[in-house]
Amino acid sequence: MLCLACRHENRLDARFCSACGQSLSAVCAACGSSNAPDSRFCDACGLPLAVGPPPRVHHASPKAYTPAHLAQKILRTRSALEGERKQVTVLFVDVVGSTALASQLDPEEVHGVMGRALELMLAEVHRYEGTVNQFLGDGIMALFGAPIAHEDHAQRALHAALAIVKALAPLNEELQRTRRLSLTVRQGLNTGLLVVGSIGDDLRMDYTAVGDTTNVAARLQQASTPGAILISEPTQRLVKGYFQLKPLGELNVKGKPEGIAAWEVLAANLAMARLDVQTERGLTPFVGRERELQTLSESFAKAKGGSGQ
């Protein structure tokens, strides 16, 4: 079975491409029947189908789309990163509406629109020093915290996710105005452990996700509604106070016998500094520092009275 997205030859009974994950059947929008990927008309109802999946934007290597200053930083520190176990935040982004684009626009126009969308996503990921690890059909997978280490990787990932929604808004408005079509994204994030493997000269990185680090992020993205950003409990613990979050309870997702606790990201609390967030959570009390606290209080009282020292 030939994948029309990447031209990889799969087993005859395969449902998804083993190379890129693209579905190997064309689903009729009218009756929901599955057809062969190269079918032009539905064999159940006879209505026309979108011919193949939307064109994909290919890049020769990660170095081709990574800004020079980030590439230099990765290559300069890669020897220290290889084989390291790191805490990272994984972001999955999927474009909603690409199938409608493919069925109603010329293939070259679809390629142009999807190319613009992906470039906007890349720019926002790189703005917060994340790295795009994979292109997944009409979406991306990005890592924050590896290979470039950041203490606030979870916050950076959420800022990037919110920025992607904002950056794509003008493109969506243009499509609605000129074509009466919609293009939005759904996003999922999770935080967990990852073991960094080798990093090549072209910035390709081998990694091993520990546990469900990437799987949970992908499942949250699939469970998300268009325009929404869903995060897991490990991510929520790191960003609580810095963002406005809406608890969604436990979501039942494919492949998980137990539900996944999820939150929707509504906005960033830009006025909140780290001390403000820590104060809300509760500061650690001083123990055995009565004399020092008394001296501090007396000095503060003198300063208020005009006798600074």
C-alpha atoms as a PDB file:
ATOM      1  CA  MET A   1       0.000   0.000   0.000  1.00  0.00           C
ATOM      2  CA  LEU A   2       1.633   3.232  -1.190  1.00  0.00           C
ATOM      3  CA  CYS A   3       1.388   6.305   1.067  1.00  0.00           C
ATOM      4  CA  LEU A   4       0.508   9.325  -1.069  1.00  0.00           C
ATOM      5  CA  ALA A   5       2.032  11.711   1.470  1.00  0.00           C
ATOM      6  CA  CYS A   6       5.592  10.347   1.663  1.00  0.00           C
ATOM      7  CA  ARG A   7       5.569   7.622  -1.075  1.00  0.00           C
ATOM      8  CA  HIS A   8       6.525   4.916   1.430  1.00  0.00           C
ATOM      9  CA  GLU A   9       5.437   1.356   0.551  1.00  0.00           C
ATOM     10  CA  ASN A  10       3.454  -0.249   3.406  1.00  0.00           C
ATOM     11  CA  ARG A  11       1.905  -3.678   4.023  1.00  0.00           C
ATOM     12  CA  LEU A  12      -1.313  -4.347   2.111  1.00  0.00           C
ATOM     13  CA  ASP A  13      -3.358  -4.558   5.329  1.00  0.00           C
ATOM     14  CA  ALA A  14      -1.834  -1.402   6.873  1.00  0.00           C
ATOM     15  CA  ARG A  15      -4.242   1.355   7.933  1.00  0.00           C
ATOM     16  CA  PHE A  16      -1.609   4.023   8.606  1.00  0.00           C
ATOM     17  CA  CYS A  17       1.766   4.723   7.023  1.00  0.00           C
ATOM     18  CA  SER A  18       4.648   3.278   9.063  1.00  0.00           C
ATOM     19  CA  ALA A  19       6.941   6.093   7.886  1.00  0.00           C
ATOM     20  CA  CYS A  20       4.866   9.241   8.450  1.00  0.00           C
ATOM     21  CA  GLY A  21       1.688   8.127  10.256  1.00  0.00           C
ATOM     22  CA  GLN A  22      -0.661   9.356   7.517  1.00  0.00           C
ATOM     23  CA  SER A  23      -3.962   7.494   7.130  1.00  0.00           C
ATOM     24  CA  LEU A  24      -3.892   5.133   4.136  1.00  0.00           C
ATOM     25  CA  SER A  25      -7.596   5.447   3.395  1.00  0.00           C
ATOM     26  CA  ALA A  26      -9.627   8.334   2.010  1.00  0.00           C
ATOM     27  CA  VAL A  27     -12.715   9.005   4.150  1.00  0.00           C
ATOM     28  CA  CYS A  28     -15.779  10.347   2.359  1.00  0.00           C
ATOM     29  CA  ALA A  29     -17.001  13.561   3.993  1.00  0.00           C
ATOM     30  CA  ALA A  30     -20.575  12.828   2.870  1.00  0.00           C
ATOM     31  CA  CYS A  31     -21.143   9.230   4.049  1.00  0.00           C
ATOM     32  CA  GLY A  32     -18.057   8.448   6.148  1.00  0.00           C
ATOM     33  CA  SER A  33     -17.011   5.407   4.112  1.00  0.00           C
ATOM     34  CA  SER A  34     -13.333   4.471   3.754  1.00  0.00           C
ATOM     35  CA  ASN A  35     -11.865   4.275   0.266  1.00  0.00           C
ATOM     36  CA  ALA A  36      -8.523   3.474  -1.307  1.00  0.00           C
ATOM     37  CA  PRO A  37      -6.079   6.390  -0.877  1.00  0.00           C
ATOM     38  CA  ASP A  38      -5.951   7.081  -4.626  1.00  0.00           C
ATOM     39  CA  SER A  39      -9.738   7.021  -5.120  1.00  0.00           C
ATOM     40  CA  ARG A  40     -11.261  10.120  -6.700  1.00  0.00           C
ATOM     41  CA  PHE A  41     -14.896   9.156  -6.035  1.00  0.00           C
ATOM     42  CA  CYS A  42     -16.472   7.381  -3.056  1.00  0.00           C
ATOM     43  CA  ASP A  43     -17.300   3.746  -3.895  1.00  0.00           C
ATOM     44  CA  ALA A  44     -20.255   3.852  -1.477  1.00  0.00           C
ATOM     45  CA  CYS A  45     -22.103   7.027  -2.506  1.00  0.00           C
ATOM     46  CA  GLY A  46     -20.338   8.180  -5.688  1.00  0.00           C
ATOM     47  CA  LEU A  47     -19.509  11.693  -4.492  1.00  0.00           C
ATOM     48  CA  PRO A  48     -16.060  13.153  -5.272  1.00  0.00           C
ATOM     49  CA  LEU A  49     -13.269  12.729  -2.711  1.00  0.00           C
ATOM     50  CA  ALA A  50     -10.290  14.893  -1.939  1.00  0.00           C
ATOM     51  CA  VAL A  51      -7.460  13.414  -3.977  1.00  0.00           C
ATOM     52  CA  GLY A  52      -4.950  12.247  -1.391  1.00  0.00           C
ATOM     53  CA  PRO A  53      -3.905  14.065   1.752  1.00  0.00           C
ATOM     54  CA  PRO A  54      -2.960  17.732   1.716  1.00  0.00           C
ATOM     55  CA  PRO A  55       0.545  18.356   0.398  1.00  0.00           C
ATOM     56  CA  ARG A  56       3.233  18.274   3.051  1.00  0.00           C
ATOM     57  CA  VAL A  57       6.006  20.771   3.503  1.00  0.00           C
ATOM     58  CA  HIS A  58       9.328  18.922   3.520  1.00  0.00           C
ATOM     59  CA  HIS A  59      12.604  20.178   4.935  1.00  0.00           C
ATOM     60  CA  ALA A  60      15.953  18.595   4.164  1.00  0.00           C
ATOM     61  CA  SER A  61      17.059  18.621   7.814  1.00  0.00           C
ATOM     62  CA  PRO A  62      16.318  20.392  11.118  1.00  0.00           C
ATOM     63  CA  LYS A  63      19.281  22.672  10.432  1.00  0.00           C
ATOM     64  CA  ALA A  64      17.432  24.014   7.380  1.00  0.00           C
ATOM     65  CA  TYR A  65      14.619  25.502   9.489  1.00  0.00           C
ATOM     66  CA  THR A  66      16.366  26.172  12.830  1.00  0.00           C
ATOM     67  CA  PRO A  67      17.608  29.750  13.347  1.00  0.00           C
ATOM     68  CA  ALA A  68      21.396  30.046  13.199  1.00  0.00           C
ATOM     69  CA  HIS A  69      21.829  31.185  16.809  1.00  0.00           C
ATOM     70  CA  LEU A  70      19.853  28.193  18.119  1.00  0.00           C
ATOM     71  CA  ALA A  71      21.719  25.783  15.848  1.00  0.00           C
ATOM     72  CA  GLN A  72      25.058  27.065  17.111  1.00  0.00           C
ATOM     73  CA  LYS A  73      23.951  26.722  20.731  1.00  0.00           C
ATOM     74  CA  ILE A  74      22.867  23.103  20.185  1.00  0.00           C
ATOM     75  CA  LEU A  75      26.024  22.101  18.316  1.00  0.00           C
ATOM     76  CA  ARG A  76      28.251  23.848  20.855  1.00  0.00           C
ATOM     77  CA  THR A  77      26.815  21.875  23.789  1.00  0.00           C
ATOM     78  CA  ARG A  78      25.771  18.594  22.123  1.00  0.00           C
ATOM     79  CA  SER A  79      28.659  16.543  23.585  1.00  0.00           C
ATOM     80  CA  ALA A  80      27.409  17.362  27.087  1.00  0.00           C
ATOM     81  CA  LEU A  81      23.808  16.583  26.123  1.00  0.00           C
ATOM     82  CA  GLU A  82      24.230  13.172  24.506  1.00  0.00           C
ATOM     83  CA  GLY A  83      23.084  10.364  26.762  1.00  0.00           C
ATOM     84  CA  GLU A  84      21.621  12.792  29.312  1.00  0.00           C
ATOM     85  CA  ARG A  85      18.299  12.169  31.069  1.00  0.00           C
ATOM     86  CA  LYS A  86      16.280  15.386  30.945  1.00  0.00           C
ATOM     87  CA  GLN A  87      12.925  16.740  32.054  1.00  0.00           C
ATOM     88  CA  VAL A  88      11.178  18.188  28.987  1.00  0.00           C
ATOM     89  CA  THR A  89       7.814  19.510  27.854  1.00  0.00           C
ATOM     90  CA  VAL A  90       6.453  18.052  24.615  1.00  0.00           C
ATOM     91  CA  LEU A  91       4.092  20.018  22.363  1.00  0.00           C
ATOM     92  CA  PHE A  92       1.944  18.452  19.628  1.00  0.00           C
ATOM     93  CA  VAL A  93       0.200  20.787  17.163  1.00  0.00           C
ATOM     94  CA  ASP A  94      -2.314  19.607  14.556  1.00  0.00           C
ATOM     95  CA  VAL A  95      -3.959  21.748  11.879  1.00  0.00           C
ATOM     96  CA  VAL A  96      -7.755  21.452  11.826  1.00  0.00           C
ATOM     97  CA  GLY A  97      -9.385  22.031   8.448  1.00  0.00           C
ATOM     98  CA  SER A  98      -6.633  20.724   6.177  1.00  0.00           C
ATOM     99  CA  THR A  99      -8.953  18.094   4.672  1.00  0.00           C
ATOM    100  CA  ALA A 100     -11.484  20.764   3.681  1.00  0.00           C
ATOM    101  CA  LEU A 101      -8.669  22.796   2.147  1.00  0.00           C
ATOM    102  CA  ALA A 102      -7.505  19.812   0.095  1.00  0.00           C
ATOM    103  CA  SER A 103     -11.013  19.134  -1.211  1.00  0.00           C
ATOM    104  CA  GLN A 104     -11.848  22.719  -2.200  1.00  0.00           C
ATOM    105  CA  LEU A 105      -8.563  24.313  -3.272  1.00  0.00           C
ATOM    106  CA  ASP A 106      -6.027  23.644  -5.980  1.00  0.00           C
ATOM    107  CA  PRO A 107      -3.133  21.470  -4.704  1.00  0.00           C
ATOM    108  CA  GLU A 108      -0.660  24.322  -5.222  1.00  0.00           C
ATOM    109  CA  GLU A 109      -2.863  26.656  -3.175  1.00  0.00           C
ATOM    110  CA  VAL A 110      -3.124  24.057  -0.400  1.00  0.00           C
ATOM    111  CA  HIS A 111       0.641  23.672  -0.404  1.00  0.00           C
ATOM    112  CA  GLY A 112       1.036  27.432  -0.084  1.00  0.00           C
ATOM    113  CA  VAL A 113      -1.456  27.760   2.772  1.00  0.00           C
ATOM    114  CA  MET A 114      -0.021  24.817   4.711  1.00  0.00           C
ATOM    115  CA  GLY A 115       3.493  26.107   4.125  1.00  0.00           C
ATOM    116  CA  ARG A 116       2.557  29.495   5.596  1.00  0.00           C
ATOM    117  CA  ALA A 117       0.887  27.811   8.588  1.00  0.00           C
ATOM    118  CA  LEU A 118       3.905  25.627   9.338  1.00  0.00           C
ATOM    119  CA  GLU A 119       6.321  28.538   9.008  1.00  0.00           C
ATOM    120  CA  LEU A 120       4.253  30.530  11.515  1.00  0.00           C
ATOM    121  CA  MET A 121       4.329  27.588  13.948  1.00  0.00           C
ATOM    122  CA  LEU A 122       8.095  27.199  13.547  1.00  0.00           C
ATOM    123  CA  ALA A 123       8.673  30.897  14.241  1.00  0.00           C
ATOM    124  CA  GLU A 124       6.770  30.797  17.536  1.00  0.00           C
ATOM    125  CA  VAL A 125       8.461  27.576  18.714  1.00  0.00           C
ATOM    126  CA  HIS A 126      11.885  29.049  17.962  1.00  0.00           C
ATOM    127  CA  ARG A 127      10.946  32.356  19.607  1.00  0.00           C
ATOM    128  CA  TYR A 128      10.845  30.493  22.939  1.00  0.00           C
ATOM    129  CA  GLU A 129      13.917  28.371  22.084  1.00  0.00           C
ATOM    130  CA  GLY A 130      12.037  25.141  21.523  1.00  0.00           C
ATOM    131  CA  THR A 131      13.093  22.713  18.804  1.00  0.00           C
ATOM    132  CA  VAL A 132      10.815  21.121  16.212  1.00  0.00           C
ATOM    133  CA  ASN A 133      11.588  17.423  16.381  1.00  0.00           C
ATOM    134  CA  GLN A 134       9.159  16.076  13.767  1.00  0.00           C
ATOM    135  CA  PHE A 135       6.762  17.177  11.054  1.00  0.00           C
ATOM    136  CA  LEU A 136       3.623  15.052  11.407  1.00  0.00           C
ATOM    137  CA  GLY A 137       1.550  15.376   8.236  1.00  0.00           C
ATOM    138  CA  ASP A 138      -0.171  18.713   8.807  1.00  0.00           C
ATOM    139  CA  GLY A 139       1.282  19.378  12.250  1.00  0.00           C
ATOM    140  CA  ILE A 140       4.470  19.411  14.303  1.00  0.00           C
ATOM    141  CA  MET A 141       6.020  17.916  17.428  1.00  0.00           C
ATOM    142  CA  ALA A 142       8.255  20.276  19.421  1.00  0.00           C
ATOM    143  CA  LEU A 143      10.464  19.831  22.479  1.00  0.00           C
ATOM    144  CA  PHE A 144      11.175  22.425  25.167  1.00  0.00           C
ATOM    145  CA  GLY A 145      14.018  21.724  27.583  1.00  0.00           C
ATOM    146  CA  ALA A 146      16.003  19.545  25.165  1.00  0.00           C
ATOM    147  CA  PRO A 147      18.397  19.786  23.518  1.00  0.00           C
ATOM    148  CA  ILE A 148      18.506  23.408  24.784  1.00  0.00           C
ATOM    149  CA  ALA A 149      18.023  23.321  28.561  1.00  0.00           C
ATOM    150  CA  HIS A 150      15.666  25.775  30.262  1.00  0.00           C
ATOM    151  CA  GLU A 151      14.480  25.747  33.852  1.00  0.00           C
ATOM    152  CA  ASP A 152      11.138  27.218  32.729  1.00  0.00           C
ATOM    153  CA  HIS A 153      10.635  24.877  29.739  1.00  0.00           C
ATOM    154  CA  ALA A 154       6.961  24.236  30.593  1.00  0.00           C
ATOM    155  CA  GLN A 155       6.188  27.969  30.668  1.00  0.00           C
ATOM    156  CA  ARG A 156       8.016  28.499  27.379  1.00  0.00           C
ATOM    157  CA  ALA A 157       6.018  25.689  25.759  1.00  0.00           C
ATOM    158  CA  LEU A 158       2.697  27.218  26.839  1.00  0.00           C
ATOM    159  CA  HIS A 159       3.732  30.691  25.699  1.00  0.00           C
ATOM    160  CA  ALA A 160       4.639  29.175  22.310  1.00  0.00           C
ATOM    161  CA  ALA A 161       1.283  27.349  22.091  1.00  0.00           C
ATOM    162  CA  LEU A 162      -0.651  30.566  22.818  1.00  0.00           C
ATOM    163  CA  ALA A 163       1.520  32.463  20.322  1.00  0.00           C
ATOM    164  CA  ILE A 164       0.796  29.865  17.613  1.00  0.00           C
ATOM    165  CA  VAL A 165      -2.956  30.421  18.024  1.00  0.00           C
ATOM    166  CA  LYS A 166      -2.454  34.194  17.783  1.00  0.00           C
ATOM    167  CA  ALA A 167      -0.083  33.952  14.805  1.00  0.00           C
ATOM    168  CA  LEU A 168      -2.483  31.776  12.797  1.00  0.00           C
ATOM    169  CA  ALA A 169      -5.506  34.020  13.443  1.00  0.00           C
ATOM    170  CA  PRO A 170      -4.834  36.435  10.500  1.00  0.00           C
ATOM    171  CA  LEU A 171      -4.342  33.480   8.112  1.00  0.00           C
ATOM    172  CA  ASN A 172      -7.624  31.958   9.301  1.00  0.00           C
ATOM    173  CA  GLU A 173      -9.437  35.292   8.859  1.00  0.00           C
ATOM    174  CA  GLU A 174      -8.037  35.604   5.336  1.00  0.00           C
ATOM    175  CA  LEU A 175      -9.262  32.119   4.399  1.00  0.00           C
ATOM    176  CA  GLN A 176     -12.709  32.799   5.878  1.00  0.00           C
ATOM    177  CA  ARG A 177     -12.973  36.077   3.980  1.00  0.00           C
ATOM    178  CA  THR A 178     -11.699  34.878   0.614  1.00  0.00           C
ATOM    179  CA  ARG A 179     -12.597  31.169   0.572  1.00  0.00           C
ATOM    180  CA  ARG A 180     -15.147  30.701   3.370  1.00  0.00           C
ATOM    181  CA  LEU A 181     -12.823  28.090   4.848  1.00  0.00           C
ATOM    182  CA  SER A 182     -11.445  27.759   8.359  1.00  0.00           C
ATOM    183  CA  LEU A 183      -7.961  26.808   9.538  1.00  0.00           C
ATOM    184  CA  THR A 184      -7.253  26.425  13.253  1.00  0.00           C
ATOM    185  CA  VAL A 185      -5.075  24.180  15.420  1.00  0.00           C
ATOM    186  CA  ARG A 186      -5.543  21.900  18.379  1.00  0.00           C
ATOM    187  CA  GLN A 187      -2.650  21.410  20.780  1.00  0.00           C
ATOM    188  CA  GLY A 188      -1.592  19.076  23.583  1.00  0.00           C
ATOM    189  CA  LEU A 189       1.307  19.292  26.036  1.00  0.00           C
ATOM    190  CA  ASN A 190       2.879  16.977  28.592  1.00  0.00           C
ATOM    191  CA  THR A 191       5.974  17.124  30.770  1.00  0.00           C
ATOM    192  CA  GLY A 192       8.164  14.114  31.522  1.00  0.00           C
ATOM    193  CA  LEU A 193      11.553  12.464  31.229  1.00  0.00           C
ATOM    194  CA  LEU A 194      13.477  11.966  28.024  1.00  0.00           C
ATOM    195  CA  VAL A 195      16.908  10.478  27.329  1.00  0.00           C
ATOM    196  CA  VAL A 196      18.810  12.483  24.700  1.00  0.00           C
ATOM    197  CA  GLY A 197      20.658  10.316  22.192  1.00  0.00           C
ATOM    198  CA  SER A 198      23.071  11.405  19.493  1.00  0.00           C
ATOM    199  CA  ILE A 199      22.768  14.836  17.874  1.00  0.00           C
ATOM    200  CA  GLY A 200      24.024  14.991  14.278  1.00  0.00           C
ATOM    201  CA  ASP A 201      25.646  17.878  12.432  1.00  0.00           C
ATOM    202  CA  ASP A 202      22.250  18.477  10.777  1.00  0.00           C
ATOM    203  CA  LEU A 203      20.654  18.742  14.287  1.00  0.00           C
ATOM    204  CA  ARG A 204      18.731  15.488  13.932  1.00  0.00           C
ATOM    205  CA  MET A 205      18.307  14.145  17.448  1.00  0.00           C
ATOM    206  CA  ASP A 206      17.756  10.585  18.586  1.00  0.00           C
ATOM    207  CA  TYR A 207      15.875  10.390  21.858  1.00  0.00           C
ATOM    208  CA  THR A 208      14.057   7.885  24.027  1.00  0.00           C
ATOM    209  CA  ALA A 209      10.937   9.045  25.829  1.00  0.00           C
ATOM    210  CA  VAL A 210      10.617   7.581  29.322  1.00  0.00           C
ATOM    211  CA  GLY A 211       7.129   6.286  30.069  1.00  0.00           C
ATOM    212  CA  ASP A 212       4.237   8.143  28.455  1.00  0.00           C
ATOM    213  CA  THR A 213       6.013  11.455  27.949  1.00  0.00           C
ATOM    214  CA  THR A 214       5.153  11.832  24.254  1.00  0.00           C
ATOM    215  CA  ASN A 215       2.124   9.535  24.143  1.00  0.00           C
ATOM    216  CA  VAL A 216       0.117  11.585  26.664  1.00  0.00           C
ATOM    217  CA  ALA A 217       0.887  14.838  24.815  1.00  0.00           C
ATOM    218  CA  ALA A 218      -0.306  13.280  21.544  1.00  0.00           C
ATOM    219  CA  ARG A 219      -3.493  11.943  23.157  1.00  0.00           C
ATOM    220  CA  LEU A 220      -4.297  15.343  24.678  1.00  0.00           C
ATOM    221  CA  GLN A 221      -3.835  16.958  21.275  1.00  0.00           C
ATOM    222  CA  GLN A 222      -6.251  14.446  19.739  1.00  0.00           C
ATOM    223  CA  ALA A 223      -8.800  15.071  22.533  1.00  0.00           C
ATOM    224  CA  SER A 224      -8.546  18.846  22.144  1.00  0.00           C
ATOM    225  CA  THR A 225     -11.166  20.908  20.330  1.00  0.00           C
ATOM    226  CA  PRO A 226     -10.198  23.332  17.505  1.00  0.00           C
ATOM    227  CA  GLY A 227      -8.398  26.332  18.971  1.00  0.00           C
ATOM    228  CA  ALA A 228      -7.899  24.742  22.389  1.00  0.00           C
ATOM    229  CA  ILE A 229      -4.667  23.929  24.265  1.00  0.00           C
ATOM    230  CA  LEU A 230      -4.776  21.000  26.697  1.00  0.00           C
ATOM    231  CA  ILE A 231      -2.083  20.193  29.256  1.00  0.00           C
ATOM    232  CA  SER A 232      -1.447  17.269  31.602  1.00  0.00           C
ATOM    233  CA  GLU A 233      -1.089  17.288  35.399  1.00  0.00           C
ATOM    234  CA  PRO A 234       2.753  17.266  35.380  1.00  0.00           C
ATOM    235  CA  THR A 235       2.724  20.366  33.165  1.00  0.00           C
ATOM    236  CA  GLN A 236      -0.012  22.007  35.224  1.00  0.00           C
ATOM    237  CA  ARG A 237       2.074  21.680  38.400  1.00  0.00           C
ATOM    238  CA  LEU A 238       4.927  23.618  36.770  1.00  0.00           C
ATOM    239  CA  VAL A 239       2.852  26.441  35.258  1.00  0.00           C
ATOM    240  CA  LYS A 240       0.154  26.939  37.915  1.00  0.00           C
ATOM    241  CA  GLY A 241      -0.128  30.633  38.721  1.00  0.00           C
ATOM    242  CA  TYR A 242       1.622  31.759  35.551  1.00  0.00           C
ATOM    243  CA  PHE A 243      -1.390  30.972  33.331  1.00  0.00           C
ATOM    244  CA  GLN A 244      -5.169  30.990  33.539  1.00  0.00           C
ATOM    245  CA  LEU A 245      -6.189  27.325  33.506  1.00  0.00           C
ATOM    246  CA  LYS A 246      -9.583  25.652  33.303  1.00  0.00           C
ATOM    247  CA  PRO A 247      -9.798  22.171  34.898  1.00  0.00           C
ATOM    248  CA  LEU A 248     -11.448  19.611  32.620  1.00  0.00           C
ATOM    249  CA  GLY A 249     -11.387  16.617  34.972  1.00  0.00           C
ATOM    250  CA  GLU A 250     -10.274  13.259  33.635  1.00  0.00           C
ATOM    251  CA  LEU A 251     -10.452  12.600  29.901  1.00  0.00           C
ATOM    252  CA  ASN A 252     -10.876   9.102  28.485  1.00  0.00           C
ATOM    253  CA  VAL A 253      -8.404   8.702  25.641  1.00  0.00           C
ATOM    254  CA  LYS A 254      -7.500   5.858  23.314  1.00  0.00           C
ATOM    255  CA  GLY A 255      -4.876   3.458  24.629  1.00  0.00           C
ATOM    256  CA  LYS A 256      -5.182   4.534  28.283  1.00  0.00           C
ATOM    257  CA  PRO A 257      -7.268   2.320  30.609  1.00  0.00           C
ATOM    258  CA  GLU A 258      -7.457   5.166  33.124  1.00  0.00           C
ATOM    259  CA  GLY A 259      -8.468   8.748  32.430  1.00  0.00           C
ATOM    260  CA  ILE A 260      -5.928  11.561  32.031  1.00  0.00           C
ATOM    261  CA  ALA A 261      -6.354  14.664  34.206  1.00  0.00           C
ATOM    262  CA  ALA A 262      -6.365  17.668  31.873  1.00  0.00           C
ATOM    263  CA  TRP A 263      -6.533  21.457  31.979  1.00  0.00           C
ATOM    264  CA  GLU A 264      -7.291  23.936  29.202  1.00  0.00           C
ATOM    265  CA  VAL A 265      -4.944  26.916  28.854  1.00  0.00           C
ATOM    266  CA  LEU A 266      -6.931  30.140  28.556  1.00  0.00           C
ATOM    267  CA  ALA A 267      -4.329  32.918  28.791  1.00  0.00           C
ATOM    268  CA  ALA A 268      -1.014  33.918  30.355  1.00  0.00           C
ATOM    269  CA  ASN A 269      -0.845  35.888  33.604  1.00  0.00           C
ATOM    270  CA  LEU A 270       1.759  38.308  32.279  1.00  0.00           C
ATOM    271  CA  ALA A 271       1.738  40.477  35.437  1.00  0.00           C
ATOM    272  CA  MET A 272       2.698  37.549  37.672  1.00  0.00           C
ATOM    273  CA  ALA A 273       6.383  37.337  38.614  1.00  0.00           C
ATOM    274  CA  ARG A 274       7.957  34.260  40.211  1.00  0.00           C
ATOM    275  CA  LEU A 275       7.717  35.756  43.724  1.00  0.00           C
ATOM    276  CA  ASP A 276       4.032  36.570  43.161  1.00  0.00           C
ATOM    277  CA  VAL A 277       3.329  32.961  42.156  1.00  0.00           C
ATOM    278  CA  GLN A 278       5.299  31.580  45.099  1.00  0.00           C
ATOM    279  CA  THR A 279       3.437  33.918  47.472  1.00  0.00           C
ATOM    280  CA  GLU A 280       0.101  32.605  46.179  1.00  0.00           C
ATOM    281  CA  ARG A 281       1.258  29.018  46.623  1.00  0.00           C
ATOM    282  CA  GLY A 282       2.574  29.758  50.110  1.00  0.00           C
ATOM    283  CA  LEU A 283       6.075  30.858  51.080  1.00  0.00           C
ATOM    284  CA  THR A 284       8.286  28.613  53.206  1.00  0.00           C
ATOM    285  CA  PRO A 285       8.398  30.024  56.783  1.00  0.00           C
ATOM    286  CA  PHE A 286      11.686  30.951  58.439  1.00  0.00           C
ATOM    287  CA  VAL A 287      12.679  28.650  61.300  1.00  0.00           C
ATOM    288  CA  GLY A 288      15.017  29.812  64.095  1.00  0.00           C
ATOM    289  CA  ARG A 289      15.453  33.317  62.641  1.00  0.00           C
ATOM    290  CA  GLU A 290      13.593  35.369  65.251  1.00  0.00           C
ATOM    291  CA  ARG A 291      16.535  37.714  65.972  1.00  0.00           C
ATOM    292  CA  GLU A 292      17.182  38.343  62.279  1.00  0.00           C
ATOM    293  CA  LEU A 293      13.508  39.008  61.562  1.00  0.00           C
ATOM    294  CA  GLN A 294      13.347  41.423  64.512  1.00  0.00           C
ATOM    295  CA  THR A 295      16.395  43.320  63.224  1.00  0.00           C
ATOM    296  CA  LEU A 296      14.879  43.460  59.739  1.00  0.00           C
ATOM    297  CA  SER A 297      11.552  44.769  61.070  1.00  0.00           C
ATOM    298  CA  GLU A 298      13.266  47.471  63.176  1.00  0.00           C
ATOM    299  CA  SER A 299      15.419  48.595  60.237  1.00  0.00           C
ATOM    300  CA  PHE A 300      12.359  48.735  57.966  1.00  0.00           C
ATOM    301  CA  ALA A 301      10.487  50.849  60.568  1.00  0.00           C
ATOM    302  CA  LYS A 302      13.427  53.278  60.787  1.00  0.00           C
ATOM    303  CA  ALA A 303      13.602  53.537  56.997  1.00  0.00           C
ATOM    304  CA  LYS A 304       9.893  54.344  56.829  1.00  0.00           C
ATOM    305  CA  GLY A 305      10.475  57.047  59.428  1.00  0.00           C
ATOM    306  CA  GLY A 306      13.156  58.659  57.300  1.00  0.00           C
ATOM    307  CA  SER A 307      16.259  57.145  58.927  1.00  0.00           C
ATOM    308  CA  GLY A 308      17.532  54.872  56.187  1.00  0.00           C
ATOM    309  CA  GLN A 309      20.781  52.942  56.748  1.00  0.00           C
END
